[in-house]
Amino acid sequence: MEKVNVHSVPVEHRRSPGGRFELRRQNVSLALGGIKDTGPWGGGHPFDVELVTLPPGKANFPLHSHAAQTEYYLVISGRGRLVGEGIETAIGPGDHVICHPGEAHQIIADEGAEALVYYVLADYHRADVITYPRSGRKMLKPDYRVVQVADADYYEGEE
């Protein structure tokens, strides 16, 4: 059994070069002895838990969907918007949200004085493909390679 208090978990600050995307996150799972991006098959936990703080007006990540991963959000404080393809809904304290594989999602904190704070719980998979519908790019995990995909014949280069 392991125990950690979130106030002792290191804070990682991520900010995109242009500043549109910014967050501070505390990876509770790693503080409890988990292994980054590794589930039970590699000695890690079956899911990841993070406490995320979005500054006012900032988005967590570009709109994206996972091929394999399910993400569950629990809003603690602040206000914001959950954005999907063709949908946008207000979120605030006490709201619970689940995003299933294939459902594009993004969280944006409302403009103003208060940051949006939420927990995210995500299940682990050996591999995942994250699709960014606005740009057509894909990120391959566990490699963390962002690629532009072009159609090809199935047998091209194989014979």
Protein backbone atom coordinates (compact mmCIF):
# COMPACT_ATOMS: atom_id res chain seq x y z
CA MET A 1 0.00 0.00 0.00
CA GLU A 2 1.26 3.48 -0.90
CA LYS A 3 0.10 6.92 0.25
CA VAL A 4 0.91 10.42 -0.97
CA ASN A 5 -0.55 13.86 -0.28
CA VAL A 6 -1.14 15.88 -3.45
CA HIS A 7 0.56 18.90 -1.84
CA SER A 8 3.86 17.00 -1.91
CA VAL A 9 3.58 15.95 -5.57
CA PRO A 10 5.92 17.91 -7.91
CA VAL A 11 4.28 20.33 -10.35
CA GLU A 12 5.10 20.04 -14.06
CA HIS A 13 4.49 23.24 -16.04
CA ARG A 14 3.73 22.81 -19.77
CA ARG A 15 3.30 25.73 -22.15
CA SER A 16 3.11 25.67 -25.94
CA PRO A 17 5.49 27.98 -27.86
CA GLY A 18 2.64 30.36 -28.76
CA GLY A 19 1.08 30.23 -25.30
CA ARG A 20 -2.40 29.02 -26.30
CA PHE A 21 -1.95 25.73 -24.42
CA GLU A 22 -0.76 25.85 -20.83
CA LEU A 23 -1.21 23.73 -17.75
CA ARG A 24 0.32 22.73 -14.49
CA ARG A 25 -0.08 19.11 -13.57
CA GLN A 26 0.80 16.89 -10.68
CA ASN A 27 1.20 13.25 -11.59
CA VAL A 28 -0.19 11.50 -8.53
CA SER A 29 0.32 8.05 -10.06
CA LEU A 30 4.06 8.59 -10.51
CA ALA A 31 4.33 9.91 -6.95
CA LEU A 32 2.72 6.65 -5.80
CA GLY A 33 5.40 4.62 -7.58
CA GLY A 34 3.78 4.24 -10.99
CA ILE A 35 5.81 4.07 -14.20
CA LYS A 36 5.12 6.66 -16.91
CA ASP A 37 2.86 5.26 -19.65
CA THR A 38 3.19 1.73 -18.28
CA GLY A 39 0.32 -0.36 -17.00
CA PRO A 40 0.31 -3.57 -15.01
CA TRP A 41 2.02 -5.49 -17.86
CA GLY A 42 5.23 -3.54 -17.10
CA GLY A 43 4.94 -3.13 -13.33
CA GLY A 44 2.92 0.10 -13.43
CA HIS A 45 -0.55 1.01 -12.24
CA PRO A 46 -3.75 0.13 -14.16
CA PHE A 47 -4.57 3.84 -14.57
CA ASP A 48 -3.01 7.30 -14.36
CA VAL A 49 -4.19 10.07 -12.00
CA GLU A 50 -3.21 13.73 -12.43
CA LEU A 51 -4.32 16.96 -10.78
CA VAL A 52 -4.41 19.63 -13.49
CA THR A 53 -4.61 23.42 -13.18
CA LEU A 54 -5.45 25.42 -16.31
CA PRO A 55 -4.78 29.17 -16.10
CA PRO A 56 -7.69 31.41 -17.16
CA GLY A 57 -8.24 31.43 -20.92
CA LYS A 58 -5.86 28.53 -21.63
CA ALA A 59 -6.56 25.15 -23.23
CA ASN A 60 -5.08 21.90 -21.94
CA PHE A 61 -4.13 20.36 -25.30
CA PRO A 62 -5.22 20.67 -28.93
CA LEU A 63 -8.55 19.00 -29.74
CA HIS A 64 -7.74 15.29 -29.93
CA SER A 65 -9.12 11.77 -29.61
CA HIS A 66 -7.53 8.53 -28.43
CA ALA A 67 -7.88 5.24 -30.27
CA ALA A 68 -7.56 3.21 -27.07
CA GLN A 69 -7.55 5.39 -23.95
CA THR A 70 -10.56 6.43 -21.87
CA GLU A 71 -10.23 9.65 -19.86
CA TYR A 72 -12.38 10.60 -16.88
CA TYR A 73 -12.43 14.16 -15.51
CA LEU A 74 -13.63 15.46 -12.14
CA VAL A 75 -13.79 19.26 -11.88
CA ILE A 76 -12.72 20.63 -8.48
CA SER A 77 -12.89 24.41 -8.97
CA GLY A 78 -13.11 27.12 -11.60
CA ARG A 79 -15.16 27.19 -14.77
CA GLY A 80 -14.45 26.20 -18.33
CA ARG A 81 -15.66 24.48 -21.46
CA LEU A 82 -15.40 20.93 -22.70
CA VAL A 83 -15.01 21.06 -26.47
CA GLY A 84 -15.65 18.21 -28.88
CA GLU A 85 -16.23 17.98 -32.62
CA GLY A 86 -19.28 20.17 -33.13
CA ILE A 87 -20.11 20.43 -29.41
CA GLU A 88 -19.16 22.67 -26.52
CA THR A 89 -20.49 22.43 -22.98
CA ALA A 90 -19.84 24.42 -19.81
CA ILE A 91 -18.09 22.63 -16.94
CA GLY A 92 -17.63 23.61 -13.31
CA PRO A 93 -17.14 22.31 -9.77
CA GLY A 94 -18.64 18.87 -9.19
CA ASP A 95 -18.94 17.99 -12.88
CA HIS A 96 -17.79 14.54 -13.97
CA VAL A 97 -16.94 13.90 -17.62
CA ILE A 98 -15.92 10.72 -19.43
CA CYS A 99 -14.34 10.70 -22.89
CA HIS A 100 -14.36 7.31 -24.56
CA PRO A 101 -11.93 6.19 -27.28
CA GLY A 102 -12.70 7.95 -30.55
CA GLU A 103 -14.37 10.98 -28.90
CA ALA A 104 -12.47 14.20 -29.63
CA HIS A 105 -12.07 16.41 -26.58
CA GLN A 106 -10.35 19.50 -25.25
CA ILE A 107 -10.75 21.54 -22.05
CA ILE A 108 -10.52 25.34 -22.00
CA ALA A 109 -10.57 27.45 -18.83
CA ASP A 110 -12.87 30.46 -18.88
CA GLU A 111 -11.30 33.91 -19.04
CA GLY A 112 -11.18 35.60 -15.64
CA ALA A 113 -9.38 35.43 -12.35
CA GLU A 114 -9.86 31.78 -11.39
CA ALA A 115 -7.97 28.82 -12.81
CA LEU A 116 -9.83 25.63 -13.74
CA VAL A 117 -8.71 22.72 -11.53
CA TYR A 118 -9.63 19.10 -12.24
CA TYR A 119 -8.48 15.54 -11.81
CA VAL A 120 -7.99 13.32 -14.84
CA LEU A 121 -7.99 9.53 -14.58
CA ALA A 122 -6.90 7.60 -17.66
CA ASP A 123 -6.55 3.90 -18.28
CA TYR A 124 -3.31 2.54 -19.69
CA HIS A 125 -2.78 0.69 -22.95
CA ARG A 126 0.42 -0.69 -24.41
CA ALA A 127 -0.12 1.54 -27.44
CA ASP A 128 -2.42 4.38 -28.46
CA VAL A 129 -2.90 6.62 -31.47
CA ILE A 130 -3.96 10.17 -30.72
CA THR A 131 -5.67 11.93 -33.63
CA TYR A 132 -5.80 15.72 -33.98
CA PRO A 133 -8.85 16.39 -36.20
CA ARG A 134 -8.02 20.06 -36.89
CA SER A 135 -4.58 19.33 -38.35
CA GLY A 136 -4.90 15.70 -39.42
CA ARG A 137 -1.76 14.82 -37.45
CA LYS A 138 -1.42 11.73 -35.27
CA MET A 139 0.73 10.96 -32.25
CA LEU A 140 1.91 7.39 -31.84
CA LYS A 141 2.38 6.12 -28.31
CA PRO A 142 4.50 4.81 -26.71
CA ASP A 143 6.94 6.37 -29.23
CA TYR A 144 5.60 9.94 -28.76
CA ARG A 145 6.04 10.56 -32.48
CA VAL A 146 3.77 13.11 -34.12
CA VAL A 147 3.27 12.27 -37.80
CA GLN A 148 1.34 13.26 -40.90
CA VAL A 149 -0.18 10.14 -42.37
CA ALA A 150 -0.46 9.54 -46.12
CA ASP A 151 -2.44 6.75 -47.73
CA ALA A 152 -0.41 3.92 -49.23
CA ASP A 153 -1.12 0.64 -50.91
CA TYR A 154 -1.09 -2.21 -48.39
CA TYR A 155 1.64 -4.16 -50.23
CA GLU A 156 3.75 -1.15 -51.30
CA GLY A 157 7.41 -1.77 -50.47
CA GLU A 158 6.70 -5.25 -49.13
CA GLU A 159 7.30 -7.36 -52.27
